[in-house]
Amino acid sequence: MNVGNSASVRLFRTIEEKLQTAQRNSRVIGFGREFIASVEAIVRGSYCYRWLTKEPDPDIVVIDLRETRTVGPMLALLEAAISPVERMISSRQFNSVSSPLNEAVANSRTSQLATALLEPPESGRSDDDNEKK
C-alpha cells in the first residue's frame, strides 16, 4: 500500500501548503519580521553592543585569575562551595521549606531596617547640592 497517495496524506499536504502561503502573505508576520529587524538594527548600532563585541586591544593583557597562585585557590574553593548550595537551592524541597522562611525574613525588623537604610533619599537633591551647603 502506498501511503504517499492516500487521501489523508494529500489532505495534510494541502493544509500544509495553504498554511505556508498564509504565513508568507501574513501582514502580522511581516510586521513582526520588520519589528525584529528594526530592534536588531538599534541594538547592533548601540554603544553598549559595539563595546561588548569590539576586538580586544592588543596592548591590553588579560589575566585569568583562576590560574594565579593567590586568587586561583580561593576561586576554586568558592566554586566548590557554591555548587552544592546551588543544587540545594534549586531543589523542590528547599523551595517548599524556604517560602514561609522568605516571608518571615521579609517581614523581620532587620529586613525593614536594612530596606530603610538602603533606600535613596526622598528629596531630589544630589550629593553635590548637599556639599555646597
C-alpha atoms as a PDB file:
ATOM      1  CA  MET A   1       0.000   0.000   0.000  1.00  0.00           C
ATOM      2  CA  ASN A   2       1.413   3.384  -0.991  1.00  0.00           C
ATOM      3  CA  VAL A   3       0.828   5.798   1.886  1.00  0.00           C
ATOM      4  CA  GLY A   4       2.000   8.822  -0.125  1.00  0.00           C
ATOM      5  CA  ASN A   5      -1.087   8.632  -2.364  1.00  0.00           C
ATOM      6  CA  SER A   6      -3.640   8.228   0.427  1.00  0.00           C
ATOM      7  CA  ALA A   7      -6.399  10.799   0.836  1.00  0.00           C
ATOM      8  CA  SER A   8      -5.311  11.777   4.351  1.00  0.00           C
ATOM      9  CA  VAL A   9      -1.698  12.439   3.256  1.00  0.00           C
ATOM     10  CA  ARG A  10      -2.935  14.560   0.339  1.00  0.00           C
ATOM     11  CA  LEU A  11      -5.209  16.461   2.722  1.00  0.00           C
ATOM     12  CA  PHE A  12      -2.336  17.162   5.144  1.00  0.00           C
ATOM     13  CA  ARG A  13      -0.093  18.288   2.272  1.00  0.00           C
ATOM     14  CA  THR A  14      -2.804  20.643   1.029  1.00  0.00           C
ATOM     15  CA  ILE A  15      -3.285  22.075   4.523  1.00  0.00           C
ATOM     16  CA  GLU A  16       0.485  22.489   4.902  1.00  0.00           C
ATOM     17  CA  GLU A  17       0.746  24.338   1.574  1.00  0.00           C
ATOM     18  CA  LYS A  18      -2.135  26.670   2.486  1.00  0.00           C
ATOM     19  CA  LEU A  19      -0.576  27.419   5.891  1.00  0.00           C
ATOM     20  CA  GLN A  20       2.767  28.187   4.253  1.00  0.00           C
ATOM     21  CA  THR A  21       1.063  30.515   1.772  1.00  0.00           C
ATOM     22  CA  ALA A  22      -0.822  32.244   4.586  1.00  0.00           C
ATOM     23  CA  GLN A  23       2.414  32.646   6.516  1.00  0.00           C
ATOM     24  CA  ARG A  24       4.212  34.192   3.527  1.00  0.00           C
ATOM     25  CA  ASN A  25       1.329  36.611   2.874  1.00  0.00           C
ATOM     26  CA  SER A  26       0.540  37.453   6.507  1.00  0.00           C
ATOM     27  CA  ARG A  27       0.781  41.133   7.402  1.00  0.00           C
ATOM     28  CA  VAL A  28       1.197  40.311  11.094  1.00  0.00           C
ATOM     29  CA  ILE A  29       4.178  38.071  10.419  1.00  0.00           C
ATOM     30  CA  GLY A  30       5.606  40.657   8.022  1.00  0.00           C
ATOM     31  CA  PHE A  31       5.212  43.364  10.670  1.00  0.00           C
ATOM     32  CA  GLY A  32       6.848  41.075  13.236  1.00  0.00           C
ATOM     33  CA  ARG A  33       9.825  40.476  10.949  1.00  0.00           C
ATOM     34  CA  GLU A  34      10.192  44.216  10.291  1.00  0.00           C
ATOM     35  CA  PHE A  35       9.922  44.971  14.010  1.00  0.00           C
ATOM     36  CA  ILE A  36      12.571  42.385  14.888  1.00  0.00           C
ATOM     37  CA  ALA A  37      14.849  43.730  12.135  1.00  0.00           C
ATOM     38  CA  SER A  38      14.416  47.274  13.490  1.00  0.00           C
ATOM     39  CA  VAL A  39      15.169  46.221  17.064  1.00  0.00           C
ATOM     40  CA  GLU A  40      18.208  44.285  15.860  1.00  0.00           C
ATOM     41  CA  ALA A  41      19.487  47.322  13.957  1.00  0.00           C
ATOM     42  CA  ILE A  42      19.022  49.528  17.029  1.00  0.00           C
ATOM     43  CA  VAL A  43      20.800  47.049  19.301  1.00  0.00           C
ATOM     44  CA  ARG A  44      23.680  46.494  16.879  1.00  0.00           C
ATOM     45  CA  GLY A  45      24.080  50.239  16.495  1.00  0.00           C
ATOM     46  CA  SER A  46      24.158  50.885  20.241  1.00  0.00           C
ATOM     47  CA  TYR A  47      27.350  51.878  22.017  1.00  0.00           C
ATOM     48  CA  CYS A  48      26.999  49.051  24.538  1.00  0.00           C
ATOM     49  CA  TYR A  49      26.757  46.373  21.828  1.00  0.00           C
ATOM     50  CA  ARG A  50      29.709  47.789  19.940  1.00  0.00           C
ATOM     51  CA  TRP A  51      31.744  47.980  23.155  1.00  0.00           C
ATOM     52  CA  LEU A  52      30.933  44.384  24.095  1.00  0.00           C
ATOM     53  CA  THR A  53      31.701  42.974  20.642  1.00  0.00           C
ATOM     54  CA  LYS A  54      34.748  45.009  19.623  1.00  0.00           C
ATOM     55  CA  GLU A  55      38.074  43.323  19.096  1.00  0.00           C
ATOM     56  CA  PRO A  56      40.303  43.401  22.160  1.00  0.00           C
ATOM     57  CA  ASP A  57      43.096  45.939  22.261  1.00  0.00           C
ATOM     58  CA  PRO A  58      46.389  44.128  21.609  1.00  0.00           C
ATOM     59  CA  ASP A  59      48.136  46.319  24.213  1.00  0.00           C
ATOM     60  CA  ILE A  60      45.875  45.069  26.999  1.00  0.00           C
ATOM     61  CA  VAL A  61      46.974  41.975  28.877  1.00  0.00           C
ATOM     62  CA  VAL A  62      44.202  39.735  30.173  1.00  0.00           C
ATOM     63  CA  ILE A  63      44.991  37.598  33.204  1.00  0.00           C
ATOM     64  CA  ASP A  64      42.799  34.655  34.114  1.00  0.00           C
ATOM     65  CA  LEU A  65      42.683  34.906  37.907  1.00  0.00           C
ATOM     66  CA  ARG A  66      41.772  31.222  38.163  1.00  0.00           C
ATOM     67  CA  GLU A  67      45.306  30.399  37.021  1.00  0.00           C
ATOM     68  CA  THR A  68      47.102  32.548  39.616  1.00  0.00           C
ATOM     69  CA  ARG A  69      48.584  31.117  42.809  1.00  0.00           C
ATOM     70  CA  THR A  70      46.931  33.583  45.152  1.00  0.00           C
ATOM     71  CA  VAL A  71      43.402  34.063  43.817  1.00  0.00           C
ATOM     72  CA  GLY A  72      43.049  30.726  41.995  1.00  0.00           C
ATOM     73  CA  PRO A  73      42.724  28.526  45.106  1.00  0.00           C
ATOM     74  CA  MET A  74      40.187  30.917  46.656  1.00  0.00           C
ATOM     75  CA  LEU A  75      38.084  30.871  43.485  1.00  0.00           C
ATOM     76  CA  ALA A  76      38.300  27.073  43.317  1.00  0.00           C
ATOM     77  CA  LEU A  77      37.148  26.880  46.945  1.00  0.00           C
ATOM     78  CA  LEU A  78      34.256  29.254  46.246  1.00  0.00           C
ATOM     79  CA  GLU A  79      33.194  27.261  43.182  1.00  0.00           C
ATOM     80  CA  ALA A  80      33.365  24.009  45.162  1.00  0.00           C
ATOM     81  CA  ALA A  81      31.230  25.525  47.928  1.00  0.00           C
ATOM     82  CA  ILE A  82      28.739  27.204  45.621  1.00  0.00           C
ATOM     83  CA  SER A  83      27.866  24.138  43.531  1.00  0.00           C
ATOM     84  CA  PRO A  84      26.217  22.136  46.355  1.00  0.00           C
ATOM     85  CA  VAL A  85      24.465  25.243  47.657  1.00  0.00           C
ATOM     86  CA  GLU A  86      23.160  25.997  44.183  1.00  0.00           C
ATOM     87  CA  ARG A  87      21.840  22.431  43.816  1.00  0.00           C
ATOM     88  CA  MET A  88      20.198  22.649  47.228  1.00  0.00           C
ATOM     89  CA  ILE A  89      18.539  25.982  46.469  1.00  0.00           C
ATOM     90  CA  SER A  90      17.156  24.744  43.153  1.00  0.00           C
ATOM     91  CA  SER A  91      15.666  21.614  44.751  1.00  0.00           C
ATOM     92  CA  ARG A  92      11.895  21.428  45.270  1.00  0.00           C
ATOM     93  CA  GLN A  93      12.266  20.525  48.944  1.00  0.00           C
ATOM     94  CA  PHE A  94      14.193  23.722  49.616  1.00  0.00           C
ATOM     95  CA  ASN A  95      11.611  25.826  47.782  1.00  0.00           C
ATOM     96  CA  SER A  96       8.740  24.343  49.795  1.00  0.00           C
ATOM     97  CA  VAL A  97      10.578  24.984  53.080  1.00  0.00           C
ATOM     98  CA  SER A  98      12.025  28.388  52.164  1.00  0.00           C
ATOM     99  CA  SER A  99       8.775  30.036  51.075  1.00  0.00           C
ATOM    100  CA  PRO A 100       7.461  30.616  54.631  1.00  0.00           C
ATOM    101  CA  LEU A 101      11.004  31.470  55.729  1.00  0.00           C
ATOM    102  CA  ASN A 102      11.308  34.104  52.977  1.00  0.00           C
ATOM    103  CA  GLU A 103       8.090  35.743  54.159  1.00  0.00           C
ATOM    104  CA  ALA A 104       9.318  35.756  57.766  1.00  0.00           C
ATOM    105  CA  VAL A 105      12.668  37.293  56.769  1.00  0.00           C
ATOM    106  CA  ALA A 106      10.999  39.895  54.556  1.00  0.00           C
ATOM    107  CA  ASN A 107       8.767  40.948  57.433  1.00  0.00           C
ATOM    108  CA  SER A 108      11.528  40.919  60.053  1.00  0.00           C
ATOM    109  CA  ARG A 109      12.668  44.069  61.832  1.00  0.00           C
ATOM    110  CA  THR A 110      16.218  43.636  60.495  1.00  0.00           C
ATOM    111  CA  SER A 111      14.942  43.418  56.923  1.00  0.00           C
ATOM    112  CA  GLN A 112      12.824  46.533  57.382  1.00  0.00           C
ATOM    113  CA  LEU A 113      15.786  48.411  58.884  1.00  0.00           C
ATOM    114  CA  ALA A 114      18.096  47.327  56.024  1.00  0.00           C
ATOM    115  CA  THR A 115      15.481  48.434  53.495  1.00  0.00           C
ATOM    116  CA  ALA A 116      15.170  51.818  55.184  1.00  0.00           C
ATOM    117  CA  LEU A 117      18.958  52.268  55.250  1.00  0.00           C
ATOM    118  CA  LEU A 118      19.430  51.321  51.593  1.00  0.00           C
ATOM    119  CA  GLU A 119      16.566  53.386  50.180  1.00  0.00           C
ATOM    120  CA  PRO A 120      17.589  56.508  48.294  1.00  0.00           C
ATOM    121  CA  PRO A 121      16.783  59.836  49.968  1.00  0.00           C
ATOM    122  CA  GLU A 122      13.323  61.222  49.306  1.00  0.00           C
ATOM    123  CA  SER A 123      14.485  64.670  48.208  1.00  0.00           C
ATOM    124  CA  GLY A 124      15.534  65.101  44.601  1.00  0.00           C
ATOM    125  CA  ARG A 125      18.790  66.841  45.548  1.00  0.00           C
ATOM    126  CA  SER A 126      22.120  65.240  44.675  1.00  0.00           C
ATOM    127  CA  ASP A 127      25.207  64.899  46.854  1.00  0.00           C
ATOM    128  CA  ASP A 128      26.743  67.907  45.083  1.00  0.00           C
ATOM    129  CA  ASP A 129      23.907  70.099  46.358  1.00  0.00           C
ATOM    130  CA  ASN A 130      24.481  68.839  49.917  1.00  0.00           C
ATOM    131  CA  GLU A 131      28.256  69.521  49.710  1.00  0.00           C
ATOM    132  CA  LYS A 132      27.690  73.153  48.668  1.00  0.00           C
ATOM    133  CA  LYS A 133      25.811  73.925  51.895  1.00  0.00           C
END
